[in-house]
Amino acid sequence: MDIEKEIRLAEADIADIMNRYNVASKDDLYDLIKSKKIPSHPVWEDYIVWKNKEKHINDLKARLDKI
């Protein structure tokens, strides 16, 4: 798969989570979970997915830089 396409797909996944919980950042989502303003399950899973997608994006961008 094309690296740039993979980055766009991961960014779309993050945008879906942002829209689902109406948050602007991963930290905002974390704050909602900790303050118990939203049920923690399955939100914790989405938070973890978000963190993993960001790491994946960063790893892919690093690979692009080496090309």
C-alpha atoms as a PDB file:
ATOM      1  CA  MET A   1       0.000   0.000   0.000  1.00  0.00           C
ATOM      2  CA  ASP A   2       1.139   3.503  -0.775  1.00  0.00           C
ATOM      3  CA  ILE A   3       2.519   5.185   2.368  1.00  0.00           C
ATOM      4  CA  GLU A   4       0.687   8.460   1.742  1.00  0.00           C
ATOM      5  CA  LYS A   5      -2.600   6.608   1.260  1.00  0.00           C
ATOM      6  CA  GLU A   6      -2.017   4.693   4.480  1.00  0.00           C
ATOM      7  CA  ILE A   7      -1.430   8.004   6.306  1.00  0.00           C
ATOM      8  CA  ARG A   8      -4.681   9.421   4.902  1.00  0.00           C
ATOM      9  CA  LEU A   9      -6.620   6.332   5.999  1.00  0.00           C
ATOM     10  CA  ALA A  10      -5.210   6.547   9.533  1.00  0.00           C
ATOM     11  CA  GLU A  11      -6.030  10.265   9.663  1.00  0.00           C
ATOM     12  CA  ALA A  12      -9.584   9.471   8.532  1.00  0.00           C
ATOM     13  CA  ASP A  13      -9.904   6.936  11.350  1.00  0.00           C
ATOM     14  CA  ILE A  14      -8.826   9.615  13.840  1.00  0.00           C
ATOM     15  CA  ALA A  15     -11.292  12.099  12.319  1.00  0.00           C
ATOM     16  CA  ASP A  16     -14.079   9.537  12.778  1.00  0.00           C
ATOM     17  CA  ILE A  17     -13.258   9.222  16.479  1.00  0.00           C
ATOM     18  CA  MET A  18     -13.091  13.020  16.833  1.00  0.00           C
ATOM     19  CA  ASN A  19     -16.530  13.337  15.254  1.00  0.00           C
ATOM     20  CA  ARG A  20     -18.000  10.457  17.242  1.00  0.00           C
ATOM     21  CA  TYR A  21     -17.181  12.149  20.555  1.00  0.00           C
ATOM     22  CA  ASN A  22     -17.155  15.767  19.354  1.00  0.00           C
ATOM     23  CA  VAL A  23     -13.605  16.425  20.564  1.00  0.00           C
ATOM     24  CA  ALA A  24     -10.724  18.381  19.063  1.00  0.00           C
ATOM     25  CA  SER A  25      -7.882  16.340  20.526  1.00  0.00           C
ATOM     26  CA  LYS A  26      -6.928  13.052  22.088  1.00  0.00           C
ATOM     27  CA  ASP A  27      -6.426  14.920  25.373  1.00  0.00           C
ATOM     28  CA  ASP A  28     -10.003  16.210  25.232  1.00  0.00           C
ATOM     29  CA  LEU A  29     -11.240  12.642  24.842  1.00  0.00           C
ATOM     30  CA  TYR A  30      -9.090  11.534  27.760  1.00  0.00           C
ATOM     31  CA  ASP A  31     -10.529  14.349  29.906  1.00  0.00           C
ATOM     32  CA  LEU A  32     -14.088  13.264  29.066  1.00  0.00           C
ATOM     33  CA  ILE A  33     -13.276   9.713  30.109  1.00  0.00           C
ATOM     34  CA  LYS A  34     -11.564  10.738  33.351  1.00  0.00           C
ATOM     35  CA  SER A  35     -14.329  13.159  34.324  1.00  0.00           C
ATOM     36  CA  LYS A  36     -16.887  10.402  33.625  1.00  0.00           C
ATOM     37  CA  LYS A  37     -18.853  12.697  31.326  1.00  0.00           C
ATOM     38  CA  ILE A  38     -19.114   9.752  28.959  1.00  0.00           C
ATOM     39  CA  PRO A  39     -19.095   6.022  29.711  1.00  0.00           C
ATOM     40  CA  SER A  40     -15.567   4.668  29.662  1.00  0.00           C
ATOM     41  CA  HIS A  41     -16.403   1.637  27.540  1.00  0.00           C
ATOM     42  CA  PRO A  42     -15.901   1.528  24.535  1.00  0.00           C
ATOM     43  CA  VAL A  43     -14.390   5.016  24.629  1.00  0.00           C
ATOM     44  CA  TRP A  44     -11.152   3.734  26.191  1.00  0.00           C
ATOM     45  CA  GLU A  45     -10.734   1.432  23.202  1.00  0.00           C
ATOM     46  CA  ASP A  46     -11.210   4.354  20.803  1.00  0.00           C
ATOM     47  CA  TYR A  47      -8.694   6.396  22.809  1.00  0.00           C
ATOM     48  CA  ILE A  48      -6.140   3.587  22.471  1.00  0.00           C
ATOM     49  CA  VAL A  49      -6.881   3.269  18.754  1.00  0.00           C
ATOM     50  CA  TRP A  50      -6.304   7.025  18.393  1.00  0.00           C
ATOM     51  CA  LYS A  51      -2.949   6.815  20.176  1.00  0.00           C
ATOM     52  CA  ASN A  52      -1.897   3.867  18.014  1.00  0.00           C
ATOM     53  CA  LYS A  53      -3.000   5.607  14.806  1.00  0.00           C
ATOM     54  CA  GLU A  54      -0.949   8.687  15.716  1.00  0.00           C
ATOM     55  CA  LYS A  55       2.117   6.533  16.323  1.00  0.00           C
ATOM     56  CA  HIS A  56       1.524   4.709  13.060  1.00  0.00           C
ATOM     57  CA  ILE A  57       1.228   8.030  11.190  1.00  0.00           C
ATOM     58  CA  ASN A  58       4.470   9.273  12.747  1.00  0.00           C
ATOM     59  CA  ASP A  59       6.235   6.033  11.824  1.00  0.00           C
ATOM     60  CA  LEU A  60       4.970   6.277   8.244  1.00  0.00           C
ATOM     61  CA  LYS A  61       6.048   9.910   7.960  1.00  0.00           C
ATOM     62  CA  ALA A  62       9.504   8.940   9.196  1.00  0.00           C
ATOM     63  CA  ARG A  63       9.661   6.301   6.468  1.00  0.00           C
ATOM     64  CA  LEU A  64       8.669   8.911   3.904  1.00  0.00           C
ATOM     65  CA  ASP A  65      11.462  11.183   5.095  1.00  0.00           C
ATOM     66  CA  LYS A  66      13.971   8.421   4.373  1.00  0.00           C
ATOM     67  CA  ILE A  67      12.807   8.019   0.777  1.00  0.00           C
END
